[in-house]
Amino acid sequence: MVGGKKLAGVLIETKISGPELVYAIVGIGLNVNLTAEQLPTGATSIFLVKKKRFSLEKTLSSILTVLERLYENLRNESAVVGECEVGMA
């Protein structure tokens, strides 16, 4: 949320079979260069906030770099436990 308006969203689709999670697909959406006319009521974009256009390729690359780092941290169980302990201190 930026200024009370939605800038991005997350969509998660899951398949559950009995007590088992079969899969989870996570998608993210980010309003980058959309104008006010292209957006639904209550939404904004980086373009509207910063008053300039952004390269979609560079924006995607930046997001993927951060997500990759976070994913690698999650793969390291001790890092996850350590972060939780720090957050609880």
N, C-alpha and C. Protein backbone atom coordinates (compact mmCIF):
# COMPACT_ATOMS: atom_id res chain seq x y z
N MET A 1 0.84 -1.17 0.00
CA MET A 1 0.00 0.00 0.00
C MET A 1 0.89 1.24 0.00
N VAL A 2 0.53 2.17 -0.83
CA VAL A 2 1.22 3.45 -0.89
C VAL A 2 0.14 4.53 -0.87
N GLY A 3 0.18 5.38 0.13
CA GLY A 3 -0.82 6.42 0.24
C GLY A 3 -2.24 5.86 0.30
N GLY A 4 -2.38 4.69 0.91
CA GLY A 4 -3.69 4.07 1.03
C GLY A 4 -4.16 3.37 -0.23
N LYS A 5 -3.30 3.27 -1.24
CA LYS A 5 -3.68 2.62 -2.49
C LYS A 5 -2.82 1.38 -2.71
N LYS A 6 -3.41 0.37 -3.35
CA LYS A 6 -2.75 -0.90 -3.58
C LYS A 6 -1.75 -0.80 -4.73
N LEU A 7 -0.50 -1.15 -4.46
CA LEU A 7 0.57 -1.11 -5.46
C LEU A 7 0.89 -2.50 -5.99
N ALA A 8 0.70 -3.51 -5.16
CA ALA A 8 1.07 -4.88 -5.53
C ALA A 8 0.14 -5.87 -4.85
N GLY A 9 0.23 -7.11 -5.30
CA GLY A 9 -0.59 -8.15 -4.69
C GLY A 9 0.06 -9.50 -4.83
N VAL A 10 -0.41 -10.44 -4.02
CA VAL A 10 0.09 -11.82 -4.04
C VAL A 10 -1.11 -12.74 -4.22
N LEU A 11 -0.95 -13.71 -5.10
CA LEU A 11 -1.99 -14.70 -5.33
C LEU A 11 -1.38 -16.07 -5.09
N ILE A 12 -2.06 -16.88 -4.28
CA ILE A 12 -1.56 -18.22 -3.98
C ILE A 12 -2.64 -19.23 -4.36
N GLU A 13 -2.24 -20.21 -5.18
CA GLU A 13 -3.13 -21.31 -5.54
C GLU A 13 -2.55 -22.59 -4.95
N THR A 14 -3.37 -23.35 -4.26
CA THR A 14 -2.89 -24.59 -3.65
C THR A 14 -3.77 -25.76 -4.06
N LYS A 15 -3.17 -26.94 -3.99
CA LYS A 15 -3.92 -28.17 -4.16
C LYS A 15 -3.63 -29.03 -2.94
N ILE A 16 -4.70 -29.43 -2.27
CA ILE A 16 -4.58 -30.25 -1.07
C ILE A 16 -5.30 -31.56 -1.32
N SER A 17 -4.65 -32.64 -0.95
CA SER A 17 -5.25 -33.97 -1.07
C SER A 17 -5.23 -34.60 0.31
N GLY A 18 -6.41 -34.66 0.93
CA GLY A 18 -6.48 -35.15 2.31
C GLY A 18 -5.70 -34.21 3.20
N PRO A 19 -4.77 -34.75 4.01
CA PRO A 19 -3.97 -33.89 4.89
C PRO A 19 -2.70 -33.36 4.22
N GLU A 20 -2.50 -33.69 2.94
CA GLU A 20 -1.24 -33.36 2.27
C GLU A 20 -1.36 -32.18 1.32
N LEU A 21 -0.41 -31.28 1.42
CA LEU A 21 -0.30 -30.18 0.46
C LEU A 21 0.41 -30.74 -0.77
N VAL A 22 -0.28 -30.79 -1.90
CA VAL A 22 0.29 -31.33 -3.13
C VAL A 22 1.19 -30.29 -3.78
N TYR A 23 0.71 -29.07 -3.89
CA TYR A 23 1.52 -27.99 -4.41
C TYR A 23 0.95 -26.65 -4.00
N ALA A 24 1.81 -25.66 -4.10
CA ALA A 24 1.39 -24.27 -3.89
C ALA A 24 2.10 -23.43 -4.95
N ILE A 25 1.34 -22.67 -5.68
CA ILE A 25 1.89 -21.76 -6.69
C ILE A 25 1.66 -20.34 -6.19
N VAL A 26 2.72 -19.57 -6.13
CA VAL A 26 2.63 -18.20 -5.64
C VAL A 26 2.96 -17.24 -6.78
N GLY A 27 2.11 -16.28 -6.99
CA GLY A 27 2.35 -15.26 -8.00
C GLY A 27 2.30 -13.89 -7.37
N ILE A 28 3.09 -12.98 -7.92
CA ILE A 28 3.05 -11.60 -7.44
C ILE A 28 2.74 -10.67 -8.61
N GLY A 29 2.05 -9.62 -8.30
CA GLY A 29 1.75 -8.61 -9.30
C GLY A 29 2.20 -7.27 -8.78
N LEU A 30 2.81 -6.49 -9.64
CA LEU A 30 3.30 -5.16 -9.27
C LEU A 30 2.91 -4.19 -10.37
N ASN A 31 2.20 -3.15 -10.00
CA ASN A 31 1.81 -2.12 -10.96
C ASN A 31 3.00 -1.20 -11.19
N VAL A 32 3.62 -1.33 -12.35
CA VAL A 32 4.85 -0.59 -12.61
C VAL A 32 4.58 0.71 -13.37
N ASN A 33 4.22 0.61 -14.64
CA ASN A 33 4.09 1.80 -15.49
C ASN A 33 2.65 2.12 -15.87
N LEU A 34 1.70 1.67 -15.08
CA LEU A 34 0.30 1.90 -15.42
C LEU A 34 -0.13 3.32 -15.05
N THR A 35 -1.01 3.86 -15.89
CA THR A 35 -1.57 5.19 -15.63
C THR A 35 -2.83 5.05 -14.79
N ALA A 36 -3.32 6.15 -14.28
CA ALA A 36 -4.53 6.13 -13.45
C ALA A 36 -5.71 5.54 -14.22
N GLU A 37 -5.78 5.83 -15.53
CA GLU A 37 -6.88 5.33 -16.35
C GLU A 37 -6.82 3.82 -16.52
N GLN A 38 -5.65 3.23 -16.40
CA GLN A 38 -5.48 1.79 -16.59
C GLN A 38 -5.70 0.99 -15.30
N LEU A 39 -5.80 1.67 -14.19
CA LEU A 39 -5.89 1.01 -12.89
C LEU A 39 -7.31 1.04 -12.34
N PRO A 40 -7.67 0.01 -11.58
CA PRO A 40 -8.97 0.06 -10.91
C PRO A 40 -8.94 1.06 -9.76
N THR A 41 -10.09 1.44 -9.30
CA THR A 41 -10.20 2.34 -8.16
C THR A 41 -9.47 1.75 -6.96
N GLY A 42 -8.71 2.58 -6.26
CA GLY A 42 -8.00 2.12 -5.07
C GLY A 42 -6.62 1.56 -5.35
N ALA A 43 -6.17 1.64 -6.61
CA ALA A 43 -4.85 1.12 -6.95
C ALA A 43 -3.94 2.25 -7.42
N THR A 44 -2.63 2.01 -7.35
CA THR A 44 -1.65 2.97 -7.84
C THR A 44 -0.53 2.20 -8.53
N SER A 45 0.44 2.91 -9.05
CA SER A 45 1.58 2.28 -9.71
C SER A 45 2.86 3.02 -9.32
N ILE A 46 3.97 2.38 -9.58
CA ILE A 46 5.25 3.04 -9.32
C ILE A 46 5.35 4.31 -10.16
N PHE A 47 4.88 4.24 -11.40
CA PHE A 47 4.89 5.40 -12.29
C PHE A 47 4.15 6.58 -11.67
N LEU A 48 2.98 6.33 -11.12
CA LEU A 48 2.20 7.41 -10.53
C LEU A 48 2.85 7.96 -9.26
N VAL A 49 3.51 7.11 -8.51
CA VAL A 49 4.15 7.54 -7.27
C VAL A 49 5.44 8.31 -7.54
N LYS A 50 6.27 7.79 -8.45
CA LYS A 50 7.59 8.37 -8.70
C LYS A 50 7.61 9.36 -9.87
N LYS A 51 6.54 9.41 -10.63
CA LYS A 51 6.42 10.33 -11.78
C LYS A 51 7.46 10.07 -12.86
N LYS A 52 7.84 8.80 -13.03
CA LYS A 52 8.73 8.42 -14.12
C LYS A 52 8.50 6.96 -14.47
N ARG A 53 8.87 6.61 -15.70
CA ARG A 53 8.72 5.24 -16.19
C ARG A 53 9.91 4.40 -15.75
N PHE A 54 9.66 3.10 -15.58
CA PHE A 54 10.71 2.17 -15.18
C PHE A 54 10.83 1.05 -16.19
N SER A 55 12.03 0.55 -16.39
CA SER A 55 12.26 -0.59 -17.26
C SER A 55 11.65 -1.82 -16.61
N LEU A 56 10.77 -2.50 -17.33
CA LEU A 56 10.16 -3.71 -16.79
C LEU A 56 11.20 -4.80 -16.58
N GLU A 57 12.16 -4.87 -17.50
CA GLU A 57 13.21 -5.88 -17.39
C GLU A 57 14.08 -5.66 -16.16
N LYS A 58 14.47 -4.41 -15.91
CA LYS A 58 15.29 -4.11 -14.73
C LYS A 58 14.51 -4.30 -13.45
N THR A 59 13.23 -3.93 -13.47
CA THR A 59 12.39 -4.10 -12.29
C THR A 59 12.25 -5.58 -11.96
N LEU A 60 11.98 -6.40 -12.98
CA LEU A 60 11.85 -7.84 -12.78
C LEU A 60 13.17 -8.42 -12.27
N SER A 61 14.28 -8.01 -12.86
CA SER A 61 15.59 -8.50 -12.44
C SER A 61 15.85 -8.19 -10.96
N SER A 62 15.51 -6.98 -10.55
CA SER A 62 15.70 -6.58 -9.15
C SER A 62 14.85 -7.42 -8.21
N ILE A 63 13.60 -7.64 -8.59
CA ILE A 63 12.70 -8.44 -7.76
C ILE A 63 13.20 -9.88 -7.66
N LEU A 64 13.62 -10.45 -8.79
CA LEU A 64 14.10 -11.83 -8.79
C LEU A 64 15.38 -11.98 -7.97
N THR A 65 16.24 -10.98 -8.00
CA THR A 65 17.46 -11.02 -7.19
C THR A 65 17.13 -11.08 -5.71
N VAL A 66 16.21 -10.25 -5.28
CA VAL A 66 15.80 -10.23 -3.87
C VAL A 66 15.11 -11.55 -3.50
N LEU A 67 14.21 -12.02 -4.35
CA LEU A 67 13.51 -13.27 -4.07
C LEU A 67 14.47 -14.46 -4.00
N GLU A 68 15.47 -14.46 -4.86
CA GLU A 68 16.45 -15.55 -4.84
C GLU A 68 17.23 -15.54 -3.52
N ARG A 69 17.62 -14.37 -3.07
CA ARG A 69 18.34 -14.26 -1.80
C ARG A 69 17.46 -14.73 -0.65
N LEU A 70 16.21 -14.32 -0.63
CA LEU A 70 15.29 -14.75 0.42
C LEU A 70 15.05 -16.25 0.38
N TYR A 71 14.93 -16.80 -0.83
CA TYR A 71 14.73 -18.25 -0.98
C TYR A 71 15.93 -19.02 -0.45
N GLU A 72 17.12 -18.55 -0.78
CA GLU A 72 18.33 -19.22 -0.28
C GLU A 72 18.39 -19.16 1.25
N ASN A 73 17.97 -18.05 1.83
CA ASN A 73 17.92 -17.95 3.29
C ASN A 73 16.93 -18.95 3.87
N LEU A 74 15.79 -19.13 3.21
CA LEU A 74 14.79 -20.08 3.70
C LEU A 74 15.28 -21.52 3.61
N ARG A 75 16.11 -21.79 2.63
CA ARG A 75 16.64 -23.16 2.48
C ARG A 75 17.59 -23.52 3.61
N ASN A 76 18.15 -22.51 4.25
CA ASN A 76 19.08 -22.74 5.35
C ASN A 76 18.26 -22.69 6.65
N GLU A 77 17.92 -23.85 7.17
CA GLU A 77 17.03 -23.92 8.34
C GLU A 77 17.57 -23.13 9.52
N SER A 78 18.87 -23.15 9.73
CA SER A 78 19.42 -22.43 10.87
C SER A 78 19.24 -20.92 10.70
N ALA A 79 19.27 -20.45 9.47
CA ALA A 79 19.07 -19.02 9.23
C ALA A 79 17.64 -18.63 9.59
N VAL A 80 16.68 -19.48 9.24
CA VAL A 80 15.27 -19.19 9.54
C VAL A 80 15.07 -19.18 11.05
N VAL A 81 15.60 -20.17 11.72
CA VAL A 81 15.47 -20.24 13.18
C VAL A 81 16.14 -19.02 13.81
N GLY A 82 17.33 -18.67 13.32
CA GLY A 82 18.05 -17.52 13.85
C GLY A 82 17.28 -16.23 13.67
N GLU A 83 16.68 -16.03 12.50
CA GLU A 83 15.91 -14.82 12.26
C GLU A 83 14.68 -14.76 13.17
N CYS A 84 14.04 -15.91 13.39
CA CYS A 84 12.88 -15.94 14.30
C CYS A 84 13.30 -15.60 15.72
N GLU A 85 14.43 -16.13 16.15
CA GLU A 85 14.89 -15.86 17.50
C GLU A 85 15.23 -14.39 17.67
N VAL A 86 15.85 -13.79 16.65
CA VAL A 86 16.19 -12.36 16.73
C VAL A 86 14.91 -11.54 16.78
N GLY A 87 13.90 -11.92 15.98
CA GLY A 87 12.64 -11.20 15.95
C GLY A 87 11.89 -11.27 17.26
N MET A 88 12.13 -12.34 18.02
CA MET A 88 11.41 -12.53 19.28
C MET A 88 12.15 -11.91 20.46
N ALA A 89 13.39 -11.49 20.24
CA ALA A 89 14.20 -10.94 21.35
C ALA A 89 13.74 -9.55 21.74
